[in-house]
Amino acid sequence: MPKEQFLIAMRFLASSVSVVSAKDSDGKLYAMTASSVTSLTIEPPSILVCVNKGASIHDILIPGIDLCINILSNDQQDISNLCSSKDSEPLRFANDFWNTGGVPFLKEAQSNIFSQVDEVIGYNSHSIVIAKVLHAQSADLFDGLIYADGGYLS
């Protein structure tokens, strides 16, 4: 199938928007917007996220590192945009959206899924990062940020 046809077809796949966040062994903070996040198994609880090998967070996502999948709320489009542009990388943590005491996480996210990387599988331009879920917390009501057809849905 030609690449263009595939890209057009994928525009019709709506998905929740998440920000993956982690801290390296030197304490440097990382975050990236991801729409390719899904639950993997319930026993044990596990999740996967696909990460472009060119993303700054990619190389620190090795087995044993802790990360957080922050599922964004509908009013967090600015955070999604901030964490998706390489140009804004130095600004990602220059605000009060984050708790950076341990694994960095967004304080007002729809949900925070605290996990530990278990396995990384390379596939062409991306890696499939499989993580064991350690803890999760969620808002009381659903108000998630959804992305489809090249934009956010409200």
N, C-alpha and C. Protein backbone atom coordinates (compact mmCIF):
# COMPACT_ATOMS: atom_id res chain seq x y z
N MET A 1 0.85 -1.18 0.00
CA MET A 1 0.00 0.00 0.00
C MET A 1 0.90 1.24 0.00
N PRO A 2 0.62 2.17 -0.85
CA PRO A 2 1.42 3.40 -0.86
C PRO A 2 1.33 4.17 0.45
N LYS A 3 2.43 4.78 0.80
CA LYS A 3 2.55 5.53 2.05
C LYS A 3 1.46 6.60 2.19
N GLU A 4 1.16 7.33 1.13
CA GLU A 4 0.16 8.41 1.19
C GLU A 4 -1.22 7.88 1.56
N GLN A 5 -1.60 6.73 0.97
CA GLN A 5 -2.90 6.14 1.27
C GLN A 5 -2.98 5.73 2.74
N PHE A 6 -1.88 5.17 3.25
CA PHE A 6 -1.83 4.77 4.65
C PHE A 6 -1.96 5.98 5.57
N LEU A 7 -1.24 7.05 5.26
CA LEU A 7 -1.32 8.27 6.09
C LEU A 7 -2.73 8.83 6.12
N ILE A 8 -3.40 8.85 4.98
CA ILE A 8 -4.78 9.34 4.93
C ILE A 8 -5.69 8.44 5.77
N ALA A 9 -5.55 7.14 5.63
CA ALA A 9 -6.38 6.21 6.40
C ALA A 9 -6.17 6.39 7.90
N MET A 10 -4.93 6.61 8.34
CA MET A 10 -4.64 6.74 9.76
C MET A 10 -5.19 8.03 10.36
N ARG A 11 -5.47 9.03 9.54
CA ARG A 11 -6.08 10.27 10.04
C ARG A 11 -7.45 10.01 10.65
N PHE A 12 -8.08 8.90 10.26
CA PHE A 12 -9.42 8.58 10.75
C PHE A 12 -9.41 7.68 11.99
N LEU A 13 -8.23 7.42 12.52
CA LEU A 13 -8.10 6.66 13.75
C LEU A 13 -7.95 7.65 14.90
N ALA A 14 -9.03 7.87 15.63
CA ALA A 14 -8.98 8.80 16.78
C ALA A 14 -8.23 8.15 17.93
N SER A 15 -7.46 8.95 18.66
CA SER A 15 -6.72 8.41 19.80
C SER A 15 -6.60 9.45 20.89
N SER A 16 -6.48 8.95 22.11
CA SER A 16 -6.18 9.82 23.24
C SER A 16 -4.77 10.35 23.07
N VAL A 17 -4.54 11.54 23.59
CA VAL A 17 -3.20 12.13 23.52
C VAL A 17 -2.54 11.97 24.89
N SER A 18 -1.32 11.50 24.86
CA SER A 18 -0.56 11.29 26.09
C SER A 18 0.79 11.98 25.99
N VAL A 19 1.38 12.25 27.12
CA VAL A 19 2.76 12.71 27.19
C VAL A 19 3.53 11.69 28.02
N VAL A 20 4.58 11.17 27.44
CA VAL A 20 5.47 10.22 28.12
C VAL A 20 6.56 11.03 28.78
N SER A 21 6.78 10.81 30.07
CA SER A 21 7.81 11.57 30.79
C SER A 21 8.71 10.64 31.58
N ALA A 22 9.96 11.06 31.71
CA ALA A 22 10.95 10.25 32.43
C ALA A 22 12.11 11.16 32.83
N LYS A 23 12.98 10.60 33.67
CA LYS A 23 14.17 11.31 34.14
C LYS A 23 15.35 10.36 33.99
N ASP A 24 16.46 10.84 33.45
CA ASP A 24 17.62 9.96 33.30
C ASP A 24 18.42 9.89 34.61
N SER A 25 19.47 9.11 34.60
CA SER A 25 20.26 8.89 35.83
C SER A 25 20.97 10.15 36.31
N ASP A 26 21.12 11.15 35.44
CA ASP A 26 21.71 12.43 35.83
C ASP A 26 20.66 13.44 36.29
N GLY A 27 19.39 13.05 36.29
CA GLY A 27 18.32 13.94 36.71
C GLY A 27 17.74 14.80 35.61
N LYS A 28 18.19 14.62 34.37
CA LYS A 28 17.64 15.39 33.26
C LYS A 28 16.23 14.90 32.95
N LEU A 29 15.31 15.87 32.73
CA LEU A 29 13.91 15.56 32.50
C LEU A 29 13.61 15.47 31.01
N TYR A 30 12.75 14.53 30.65
CA TYR A 30 12.35 14.31 29.27
C TYR A 30 10.83 14.17 29.19
N ALA A 31 10.26 14.64 28.08
CA ALA A 31 8.83 14.45 27.84
C ALA A 31 8.59 14.49 26.34
N MET A 32 7.65 13.68 25.88
CA MET A 32 7.26 13.70 24.47
C MET A 32 5.79 13.36 24.34
N THR A 33 5.13 14.00 23.39
CA THR A 33 3.73 13.71 23.10
C THR A 33 3.66 12.40 22.32
N ALA A 34 2.66 11.58 22.68
CA ALA A 34 2.47 10.30 22.00
C ALA A 34 0.99 10.02 21.82
N SER A 35 0.65 9.55 20.64
CA SER A 35 -0.72 9.10 20.42
C SER A 35 -0.77 7.59 20.24
N SER A 36 0.39 6.96 20.11
CA SER A 36 0.45 5.52 19.95
C SER A 36 0.77 4.87 21.30
N VAL A 37 -0.26 4.85 22.15
CA VAL A 37 -0.18 4.27 23.49
C VAL A 37 -1.36 3.32 23.63
N THR A 38 -1.11 2.15 24.18
CA THR A 38 -2.23 1.22 24.38
C THR A 38 -1.94 0.28 25.55
N SER A 39 -3.00 -0.20 26.16
CA SER A 39 -2.82 -1.22 27.18
C SER A 39 -2.38 -2.50 26.48
N LEU A 40 -1.61 -3.31 27.17
CA LEU A 40 -1.12 -4.54 26.56
C LEU A 40 -1.73 -5.75 27.25
N THR A 41 -1.54 -5.86 28.57
CA THR A 41 -2.14 -6.96 29.33
C THR A 41 -2.64 -6.43 30.66
N ILE A 42 -3.61 -7.13 31.20
CA ILE A 42 -4.11 -6.79 32.54
C ILE A 42 -3.40 -7.63 33.61
N GLU A 43 -2.88 -8.79 33.19
CA GLU A 43 -2.19 -9.67 34.13
C GLU A 43 -0.86 -10.07 33.53
N PRO A 44 0.24 -9.47 33.88
CA PRO A 44 0.31 -8.33 34.78
C PRO A 44 -0.08 -7.04 34.03
N PRO A 45 -0.49 -6.01 34.77
CA PRO A 45 -0.81 -4.75 34.11
C PRO A 45 0.41 -4.22 33.34
N SER A 46 0.21 -4.01 32.05
CA SER A 46 1.31 -3.51 31.23
C SER A 46 0.75 -2.62 30.12
N ILE A 47 1.62 -1.78 29.60
CA ILE A 47 1.24 -0.77 28.61
C ILE A 47 2.37 -0.70 27.58
N LEU A 48 2.03 -0.26 26.38
CA LEU A 48 3.08 -0.05 25.40
C LEU A 48 2.93 1.32 24.76
N VAL A 49 4.05 1.85 24.35
CA VAL A 49 4.09 3.14 23.66
C VAL A 49 5.12 3.02 22.54
N CYS A 50 4.80 3.58 21.39
CA CYS A 50 5.74 3.58 20.27
C CYS A 50 6.47 4.92 20.25
N VAL A 51 7.79 4.86 20.18
CA VAL A 51 8.64 6.05 20.28
C VAL A 51 9.57 6.11 19.07
N ASN A 52 9.56 7.24 18.40
CA ASN A 52 10.46 7.46 17.27
C ASN A 52 11.90 7.42 17.77
N LYS A 53 12.76 6.74 17.04
CA LYS A 53 14.16 6.62 17.45
C LYS A 53 14.88 7.96 17.45
N GLY A 54 14.32 8.96 16.78
CA GLY A 54 14.91 10.30 16.77
C GLY A 54 14.48 11.17 17.92
N ALA A 55 13.52 10.72 18.72
CA ALA A 55 13.04 11.51 19.86
C ALA A 55 14.10 11.56 20.95
N SER A 56 14.24 12.70 21.60
CA SER A 56 15.28 12.86 22.62
C SER A 56 15.10 11.87 23.78
N ILE A 57 13.87 11.48 24.07
CA ILE A 57 13.61 10.55 25.19
C ILE A 57 13.97 9.11 24.83
N HIS A 58 14.08 8.81 23.54
CA HIS A 58 14.22 7.42 23.09
C HIS A 58 15.34 6.67 23.79
N ASP A 59 16.54 7.22 23.80
CA ASP A 59 17.70 6.47 24.27
C ASP A 59 17.72 6.22 25.78
N ILE A 60 16.92 6.95 26.55
CA ILE A 60 16.90 6.68 28.00
C ILE A 60 15.86 5.62 28.35
N LEU A 61 14.99 5.27 27.42
CA LEU A 61 13.94 4.29 27.69
C LEU A 61 14.51 2.88 27.53
N ILE A 62 15.20 2.45 28.57
CA ILE A 62 15.84 1.14 28.60
C ILE A 62 15.20 0.33 29.73
N PRO A 63 15.30 -1.00 29.68
CA PRO A 63 14.71 -1.80 30.75
C PRO A 63 15.17 -1.34 32.13
N GLY A 64 14.20 -1.20 33.03
CA GLY A 64 14.46 -0.80 34.41
C GLY A 64 14.18 0.66 34.69
N ILE A 65 14.11 1.52 33.66
CA ILE A 65 13.87 2.94 33.92
C ILE A 65 12.38 3.18 34.17
N ASP A 66 12.10 4.08 35.11
CA ASP A 66 10.72 4.45 35.40
C ASP A 66 10.27 5.55 34.45
N LEU A 67 9.00 5.49 34.09
CA LEU A 67 8.41 6.51 33.24
C LEU A 67 6.96 6.71 33.65
N CYS A 68 6.35 7.77 33.13
CA CYS A 68 4.94 8.01 33.37
C CYS A 68 4.26 8.28 32.04
N ILE A 69 3.13 7.62 31.83
CA ILE A 69 2.27 7.92 30.69
C ILE A 69 1.20 8.85 31.25
N ASN A 70 1.22 10.11 30.83
CA ASN A 70 0.26 11.11 31.28
C ASN A 70 -0.81 11.25 30.21
N ILE A 71 -2.01 10.76 30.47
CA ILE A 71 -3.11 10.88 29.52
C ILE A 71 -3.71 12.26 29.72
N LEU A 72 -3.68 13.07 28.65
CA LEU A 72 -4.04 14.48 28.79
C LEU A 72 -5.53 14.73 28.88
N SER A 73 -5.88 15.78 29.60
CA SER A 73 -7.25 16.28 29.68
C SER A 73 -7.51 17.17 28.48
N ASN A 74 -8.77 17.38 28.18
CA ASN A 74 -9.19 18.16 27.02
C ASN A 74 -8.61 19.57 27.01
N ASP A 75 -8.33 20.14 28.17
CA ASP A 75 -7.81 21.51 28.23
C ASP A 75 -6.27 21.57 28.22
N GLN A 76 -5.61 20.47 27.86
CA GLN A 76 -4.15 20.42 27.88
C GLN A 76 -3.53 20.37 26.48
N GLN A 77 -4.19 20.98 25.50
CA GLN A 77 -3.65 21.03 24.14
C GLN A 77 -2.30 21.74 24.10
N ASP A 78 -2.15 22.79 24.90
CA ASP A 78 -0.87 23.53 24.93
C ASP A 78 0.28 22.63 25.37
N ILE A 79 0.02 21.77 26.35
CA ILE A 79 1.06 20.84 26.82
C ILE A 79 1.40 19.84 25.72
N SER A 80 0.38 19.34 25.03
CA SER A 80 0.62 18.42 23.92
C SER A 80 1.51 19.07 22.87
N ASN A 81 1.19 20.29 22.50
CA ASN A 81 1.98 21.00 21.49
C ASN A 81 3.40 21.28 21.98
N LEU A 82 3.54 21.65 23.24
CA LEU A 82 4.84 21.95 23.83
C LEU A 82 5.75 20.71 23.80
N CYS A 83 5.17 19.55 24.03
CA CYS A 83 5.96 18.32 24.11
C CYS A 83 6.10 17.61 22.78
N SER A 84 5.55 18.20 21.71
CA SER A 84 5.65 17.55 20.40
C SER A 84 6.61 18.26 19.46
N SER A 85 7.08 19.43 19.82
CA SER A 85 7.97 20.20 18.95
C SER A 85 9.40 20.19 19.49
N LYS A 86 10.35 19.80 18.64
CA LYS A 86 11.76 19.82 19.07
C LYS A 86 12.20 21.23 19.46
N ASP A 87 11.65 22.25 18.78
CA ASP A 87 12.02 23.64 19.07
C ASP A 87 11.67 24.05 20.50
N SER A 88 10.60 23.47 21.04
CA SER A 88 10.16 23.86 22.39
C SER A 88 10.70 22.94 23.48
N GLU A 89 11.60 22.04 23.11
CA GLU A 89 12.14 21.09 24.09
C GLU A 89 12.70 21.75 25.35
N PRO A 90 13.47 22.84 25.25
CA PRO A 90 14.00 23.47 26.47
C PRO A 90 12.92 24.07 27.37
N LEU A 91 11.73 24.28 26.83
CA LEU A 91 10.64 24.92 27.60
C LEU A 91 9.67 23.93 28.24
N ARG A 92 9.81 22.65 27.97
CA ARG A 92 8.81 21.65 28.40
C ARG A 92 8.59 21.63 29.90
N PHE A 93 9.62 21.88 30.68
CA PHE A 93 9.49 21.82 32.14
C PHE A 93 9.60 23.20 32.79
N ALA A 94 9.57 24.26 31.99
CA ALA A 94 9.68 25.63 32.50
C ALA A 94 8.29 26.18 32.82
N ASN A 95 7.55 25.45 33.62
CA ASN A 95 6.19 25.84 34.00
C ASN A 95 5.81 25.07 35.27
N ASP A 96 4.62 25.27 35.76
CA ASP A 96 4.21 24.58 37.00
C ASP A 96 3.25 23.42 36.73
N PHE A 97 3.27 22.87 35.51
CA PHE A 97 2.40 21.74 35.17
C PHE A 97 2.86 20.44 35.81
N TRP A 98 4.13 20.39 36.17
CA TRP A 98 4.79 19.14 36.52
C TRP A 98 5.05 18.97 38.00
N ASN A 99 5.06 17.73 38.45
CA ASN A 99 5.65 17.33 39.71
C ASN A 99 6.91 16.58 39.29
N THR A 100 8.07 17.09 39.66
CA THR A 100 9.33 16.50 39.22
C THR A 100 10.13 15.90 40.37
N GLY A 101 9.47 15.65 41.50
CA GLY A 101 10.16 15.11 42.67
C GLY A 101 10.73 13.73 42.44
N GLY A 102 10.02 12.89 41.72
CA GLY A 102 10.50 11.55 41.37
C GLY A 102 10.39 11.42 39.87
N VAL A 103 9.63 10.43 39.42
CA VAL A 103 9.33 10.35 38.00
C VAL A 103 8.48 11.56 37.66
N PRO A 104 8.87 12.37 36.68
CA PRO A 104 8.08 13.56 36.38
C PRO A 104 6.68 13.17 35.87
N PHE A 105 5.65 13.88 36.40
CA PHE A 105 4.30 13.63 35.92
C PHE A 105 3.51 14.93 35.92
N LEU A 106 2.52 14.98 35.03
CA LEU A 106 1.65 16.15 34.91
C LEU A 106 0.61 16.11 36.02
N LYS A 107 0.58 17.16 36.83
CA LYS A 107 -0.30 17.21 38.00
C LYS A 107 -1.78 17.20 37.64
N GLU A 108 -2.17 17.79 36.51
CA GLU A 108 -3.58 17.91 36.16
C GLU A 108 -3.98 17.02 34.98
N ALA A 109 -3.26 15.95 34.74
CA ALA A 109 -3.58 15.05 33.64
C ALA A 109 -4.88 14.29 33.93
N GLN A 110 -5.47 13.79 32.86
CA GLN A 110 -6.65 12.93 32.99
C GLN A 110 -6.29 11.70 33.82
N SER A 111 -5.15 11.10 33.49
CA SER A 111 -4.63 9.95 34.23
C SER A 111 -3.11 9.99 34.18
N ASN A 112 -2.49 9.41 35.20
CA ASN A 112 -1.04 9.21 35.24
C ASN A 112 -0.82 7.71 35.45
N ILE A 113 -0.07 7.10 34.54
CA ILE A 113 0.22 5.68 34.66
C ILE A 113 1.73 5.55 34.88
N PHE A 114 2.09 5.26 36.11
CA PHE A 114 3.50 5.13 36.49
C PHE A 114 3.95 3.71 36.17
N SER A 115 5.03 3.60 35.43
CA SER A 115 5.44 2.31 34.89
C SER A 115 6.95 2.17 34.93
N GLN A 116 7.40 0.95 34.65
CA GLN A 116 8.83 0.68 34.53
C GLN A 116 9.06 -0.08 33.23
N VAL A 117 10.01 0.40 32.43
CA VAL A 117 10.28 -0.24 31.14
C VAL A 117 10.72 -1.68 31.38
N ASP A 118 10.08 -2.60 30.65
CA ASP A 118 10.38 -4.02 30.76
C ASP A 118 11.13 -4.52 29.52
N GLU A 119 10.70 -4.02 28.34
CA GLU A 119 11.31 -4.50 27.10
C GLU A 119 11.20 -3.41 26.03
N VAL A 120 12.18 -3.34 25.17
CA VAL A 120 12.18 -2.40 24.04
C VAL A 120 12.45 -3.20 22.78
N ILE A 121 11.54 -3.06 21.82
CA ILE A 121 11.64 -3.81 20.57
C ILE A 121 11.78 -2.80 19.43
N GLY A 122 12.88 -2.84 18.73
CA GLY A 122 13.09 -1.94 17.60
C GLY A 122 12.31 -2.39 16.39
N TYR A 123 11.72 -1.43 15.68
CA TYR A 123 11.03 -1.74 14.43
C TYR A 123 11.16 -0.54 13.49
N ASN A 124 12.04 -0.65 12.53
CA ASN A 124 12.29 0.42 11.56
C ASN A 124 12.59 1.73 12.28
N SER A 125 11.79 2.78 12.06
CA SER A 125 12.07 4.11 12.60
C SER A 125 11.67 4.28 14.06
N HIS A 126 10.98 3.28 14.64
CA HIS A 126 10.45 3.41 15.99
C HIS A 126 10.89 2.24 16.88
N SER A 127 10.67 2.43 18.17
CA SER A 127 10.81 1.34 19.13
C SER A 127 9.48 1.17 19.84
N ILE A 128 9.14 -0.06 20.10
CA ILE A 128 7.95 -0.39 20.89
C ILE A 128 8.44 -0.58 22.32
N VAL A 129 8.00 0.29 23.20
CA VAL A 129 8.43 0.25 24.59
C VAL A 129 7.31 -0.40 25.40
N ILE A 130 7.62 -1.53 26.01
CA ILE A 130 6.66 -2.25 26.85
C ILE A 130 7.04 -2.00 28.30
N ALA A 131 6.05 -1.56 29.09
CA ALA A 131 6.33 -1.21 30.48
C ALA A 131 5.34 -1.89 31.42
N LYS A 132 5.84 -2.28 32.58
CA LYS A 132 4.99 -2.82 33.65
C LYS A 132 4.39 -1.66 34.42
N VAL A 133 3.08 -1.71 34.64
CA VAL A 133 2.40 -0.65 35.39
C VAL A 133 2.62 -0.88 36.87
N LEU A 134 3.11 0.17 37.54
CA LEU A 134 3.36 0.11 38.98
C LEU A 134 2.24 0.75 39.78
N HIS A 135 1.65 1.81 39.22
CA HIS A 135 0.62 2.57 39.92
C HIS A 135 -0.09 3.44 38.90
N ALA A 136 -1.37 3.69 39.11
CA ALA A 136 -2.10 4.60 38.22
C ALA A 136 -3.06 5.44 39.06
N GLN A 137 -3.27 6.67 38.61
CA GLN A 137 -4.25 7.55 39.25
C GLN A 137 -4.98 8.29 38.15
N SER A 138 -6.27 8.55 38.39
CA SER A 138 -7.11 9.16 37.36
C SER A 138 -8.07 10.17 37.95
N ALA A 139 -8.51 11.09 37.08
CA ALA A 139 -9.56 12.04 37.46
C ALA A 139 -10.86 11.26 37.65
N ASP A 140 -11.82 11.89 38.30
CA ASP A 140 -13.10 11.23 38.55
C ASP A 140 -13.96 11.08 37.31
N LEU A 141 -13.90 12.05 36.40
CA LEU A 141 -14.72 12.04 35.20
C LEU A 141 -13.86 12.09 33.95
N PHE A 142 -14.33 11.46 32.87
CA PHE A 142 -13.60 11.48 31.61
C PHE A 142 -13.73 12.83 30.93
N ASP A 143 -12.60 13.41 30.59
CA ASP A 143 -12.53 14.65 29.81
C ASP A 143 -11.21 14.64 29.05
N GLY A 144 -10.96 13.55 28.33
CA GLY A 144 -9.68 13.35 27.68
C GLY A 144 -9.51 14.13 26.39
N LEU A 145 -8.26 14.42 26.06
CA LEU A 145 -7.89 15.09 24.83
C LEU A 145 -7.78 14.04 23.73
N ILE A 146 -8.53 14.24 22.64
CA ILE A 146 -8.58 13.29 21.53
C ILE A 146 -8.03 13.95 20.27
N TYR A 147 -7.26 13.18 19.51
CA TYR A 147 -6.65 13.67 18.28
C TYR A 147 -7.11 12.80 17.12
N ALA A 148 -7.57 13.41 16.03
CA ALA A 148 -7.96 12.69 14.82
C ALA A 148 -8.00 13.68 13.66
N ASP A 149 -7.82 13.16 12.47
CA ASP A 149 -7.91 13.94 11.23
C ASP A 149 -7.03 15.20 11.27
N GLY A 150 -5.84 15.07 11.88
CA GLY A 150 -4.89 16.17 11.90
C GLY A 150 -5.14 17.26 12.91
N GLY A 151 -6.04 17.03 13.87
CA GLY A 151 -6.32 18.06 14.87
C GLY A 151 -6.96 17.48 16.12
N TYR A 152 -7.14 18.36 17.10
CA TYR A 152 -7.77 17.96 18.36
C TYR A 152 -9.30 18.03 18.21
N LEU A 153 -9.97 17.08 18.83
CA LEU A 153 -11.44 17.08 18.85
C LEU A 153 -11.91 17.64 20.18
N SER A 154 -13.00 18.38 20.16
CA SER A 154 -13.53 18.88 21.44
C SER A 154 -14.99 18.55 21.58
